[in-house]
Amino acid sequence: MADTDRPGFQTGRLGLGLKPVDDRVRGLNIQPPGTETLTLTFNRAGKMVFYTAVPGRLEPAETGMGIGMGIKEEPGFYLEHEVNWVKTTGQIKAHIQIVELLRDAQTHFISNLKVDDDTGFWKSGDRLQLVREHARIGRLHTQFPAIEIATTNSKAHLRGLVFTGF
């Protein structure tokens, strides 16, 4: 049996094919209070990755607009992600602690770690600016509550950190 035929050991890259899951992923999943889970996991080659379960195999499918991608329901398939993120909206203390953890990881373990912090705190270290940005986004959430629902469902983030390491 080929690796690509074994349920539970496949990843899809948006329909670009299947490959075996690296079952030796090691690292940390941390749950800071009030935020999404912070995932720092690495495959055996040392590349930062994490997997998200999908309900089945990605395959070509007809749509109302022609050929697209569909999912054939079947357990044991995962999407592989090389870009990690954590949403920290409204959690200033957790945001600071996550930045401190990532800085420490960059200094001692992941020298090529790249972080995109849309609050600017990663680069500036300016806590007042961080508080202002979180307050500004909090006001937007109050005025437009549907923004939070849409971004939560799509795994996007309004205020948080996006990071990669190779």
Protein backbone atom coordinates (compact mmCIF):
# COMPACT_ATOMS: atom_id res chain seq x y z
CA MET A 1 0.00 0.00 0.00
CA ALA A 2 1.40 3.41 -0.96
CA ASP A 3 1.69 6.13 1.69
CA THR A 4 -0.89 8.17 -0.22
CA ASP A 5 -3.46 5.36 0.26
CA ARG A 6 -3.26 5.25 4.06
CA PRO A 7 -6.05 7.20 5.80
CA GLY A 8 -4.79 9.31 8.66
CA PHE A 9 -1.43 9.97 7.06
CA GLN A 10 -2.19 12.39 4.24
CA THR A 11 -1.94 16.11 3.72
CA GLY A 12 -3.39 18.18 0.95
CA ARG A 13 -1.91 21.41 -0.32
CA LEU A 14 -5.04 22.99 -1.76
CA GLY A 15 -5.45 20.30 -4.38
CA LEU A 16 -1.80 20.22 -5.41
CA GLY A 17 -1.46 16.60 -4.38
CA LEU A 18 -1.13 14.43 -1.34
CA LYS A 19 1.90 13.50 0.65
CA PRO A 20 2.44 11.59 3.88
CA VAL A 21 2.03 13.52 7.11
CA ASP A 22 5.30 13.87 8.93
CA ASP A 23 4.23 11.97 12.03
CA ARG A 24 7.26 13.15 13.98
CA VAL A 25 6.01 16.69 14.50
CA ARG A 26 7.31 17.97 17.81
CA GLY A 27 6.88 21.21 19.68
CA LEU A 28 4.41 23.11 21.80
CA ASN A 29 0.75 24.06 21.75
CA ILE A 30 0.21 26.86 24.25
CA GLN A 31 -3.17 28.31 25.23
CA PRO A 32 -2.66 31.90 26.45
CA PRO A 33 -5.76 33.20 28.28
CA GLY A 34 -8.31 34.74 25.91
CA THR A 35 -6.42 33.97 22.69
CA GLU A 36 -6.26 31.26 20.08
CA THR A 37 -3.83 28.39 20.62
CA LEU A 38 -0.21 29.33 19.94
CA THR A 39 1.33 26.49 17.91
CA LEU A 40 5.10 26.07 17.69
CA THR A 41 5.57 22.65 16.09
CA PHE A 42 8.28 21.36 13.76
CA ASN A 43 8.65 18.40 11.43
CA ARG A 44 11.69 16.12 11.54
CA ALA A 45 13.48 18.36 9.00
CA GLY A 46 13.19 21.25 11.46
CA LYS A 47 10.60 23.18 9.44
CA MET A 48 7.84 24.90 11.40
CA VAL A 49 4.51 23.29 10.41
CA PHE A 50 1.13 22.38 11.83
CA TYR A 51 -1.78 20.38 10.51
CA THR A 52 -5.51 21.10 10.40
CA ALA A 53 -7.94 18.21 9.96
CA VAL A 54 -10.21 18.46 6.91
CA PRO A 55 -13.34 16.36 6.39
CA GLY A 56 -11.91 14.46 3.43
CA ARG A 57 -9.80 14.32 0.29
CA LEU A 58 -9.43 17.50 -1.80
CA GLU A 59 -10.23 16.77 -5.44
CA PRO A 60 -11.42 18.55 -8.59
CA ALA A 61 -15.16 19.17 -8.67
CA GLU A 62 -17.62 20.93 -10.91
CA THR A 63 -19.02 24.16 -9.54
CA GLY A 64 -21.49 26.70 -10.89
CA MET A 65 -18.51 28.56 -12.36
CA GLY A 66 -16.70 25.58 -13.89
CA ILE A 67 -14.11 23.28 -12.35
CA GLY A 68 -13.03 23.97 -8.79
CA MET A 69 -11.99 22.01 -5.75
CA GLY A 70 -14.30 19.90 -3.67
CA ILE A 71 -13.95 17.57 -0.72
CA LYS A 72 -14.78 13.89 -0.97
CA GLU A 73 -15.84 13.13 2.60
CA GLU A 74 -13.34 10.70 4.05
CA PRO A 75 -11.61 10.83 7.46
CA GLY A 76 -7.87 11.13 7.94
CA PHE A 77 -6.87 14.08 5.76
CA TYR A 78 -5.13 17.26 6.86
CA LEU A 79 -3.98 20.62 5.51
CA GLU A 80 -0.34 21.43 6.16
CA HIS A 81 0.42 25.00 7.21
CA GLU A 82 3.84 26.60 7.18
CA VAL A 83 2.59 29.97 8.39
CA ASN A 84 1.32 30.08 11.96
CA TRP A 85 -0.89 32.69 13.53
CA VAL A 86 -2.46 33.55 16.85
CA LYS A 87 -5.29 36.03 17.35
CA THR A 88 -4.83 38.23 20.42
CA THR A 89 -7.62 40.80 20.01
CA GLY A 90 -8.22 42.55 23.35
CA GLN A 91 -5.65 40.46 25.21
CA ILE A 92 -2.81 42.92 25.70
CA LYS A 93 -0.98 41.01 28.44
CA ALA A 94 -1.12 37.78 26.41
CA HIS A 95 0.07 39.66 23.30
CA ILE A 96 3.11 40.94 25.19
CA GLN A 97 3.86 37.49 26.63
CA ILE A 98 3.58 35.84 23.20
CA VAL A 99 5.97 38.42 21.72
CA GLU A 100 8.41 37.79 24.58
CA LEU A 101 8.20 34.03 23.98
CA LEU A 102 8.72 34.43 20.22
CA ARG A 103 11.67 36.79 20.79
CA ASP A 104 13.26 34.24 23.12
CA ALA A 105 12.62 31.47 20.57
CA GLN A 106 14.19 33.63 17.84
CA THR A 107 17.24 34.42 19.98
CA HIS A 108 17.93 30.87 21.14
CA PHE A 109 16.29 28.41 18.75
CA ILE A 110 14.73 29.81 15.55
CA SER A 111 17.11 32.47 14.27
CA ASN A 112 15.19 32.83 11.00
CA LEU A 113 11.81 33.34 12.69
CA LYS A 114 9.80 36.04 10.91
CA VAL A 115 6.94 37.76 12.72
CA ASP A 116 4.27 40.04 11.27
CA ASP A 117 2.60 41.85 14.16
CA ASP A 118 -0.11 44.13 12.83
CA THR A 119 -0.03 46.19 16.03
CA GLY A 120 3.61 47.11 15.43
CA PHE A 121 4.59 45.89 18.91
CA TRP A 122 7.04 43.23 17.61
CA LYS A 123 9.18 45.94 16.00
CA SER A 124 8.67 48.87 18.36
CA GLY A 125 8.11 47.35 21.79
CA ASP A 126 5.83 50.35 22.40
CA ARG A 127 3.24 49.16 24.94
CA LEU A 128 1.22 52.38 24.74
CA GLN A 129 0.83 51.94 20.98
CA LEU A 130 -0.17 48.30 21.55
CA VAL A 131 -2.89 49.41 24.00
CA ARG A 132 -4.11 52.05 21.51
CA GLU A 133 -4.29 49.52 18.65
CA HIS A 134 -6.20 46.98 20.74
CA ALA A 135 -8.60 49.73 21.88
CA ARG A 136 -9.13 50.89 18.29
CA ILE A 137 -9.96 47.37 17.14
CA GLY A 138 -12.20 46.91 20.18
CA ARG A 139 -14.19 49.96 19.09
CA LEU A 140 -14.50 48.50 15.58
CA HIS A 141 -15.82 45.25 17.06
CA THR A 142 -18.42 47.22 19.00
CA GLN A 143 -19.52 49.15 15.91
CA PHE A 144 -19.31 46.18 13.51
CA PRO A 145 -19.75 42.91 15.45
CA ALA A 146 -20.03 40.88 12.22
CA ILE A 147 -16.31 41.53 11.58
CA GLU A 148 -15.40 39.29 14.52
CA ILE A 149 -17.70 36.48 13.33
CA ALA A 150 -16.34 36.61 9.77
CA THR A 151 -12.69 36.64 10.81
CA THR A 152 -13.14 33.92 13.42
CA ASN A 153 -14.81 31.62 10.92
CA SER A 154 -12.13 32.14 8.28
CA LYS A 155 -9.23 31.80 10.74
CA ALA A 156 -8.09 35.28 9.81
CA HIS A 157 -7.22 37.74 12.52
CA LEU A 158 -7.87 41.38 13.25
CA ARG A 159 -5.19 41.85 15.87
CA GLY A 160 -2.56 39.25 16.34
CA LEU A 161 0.71 37.78 15.20
CA VAL A 162 1.59 35.83 12.08
CA PHE A 163 4.89 33.98 12.13
CA THR A 164 6.99 31.53 10.14
CA GLY A 165 10.27 29.75 10.73
CA PHE A 166 12.26 27.43 8.49
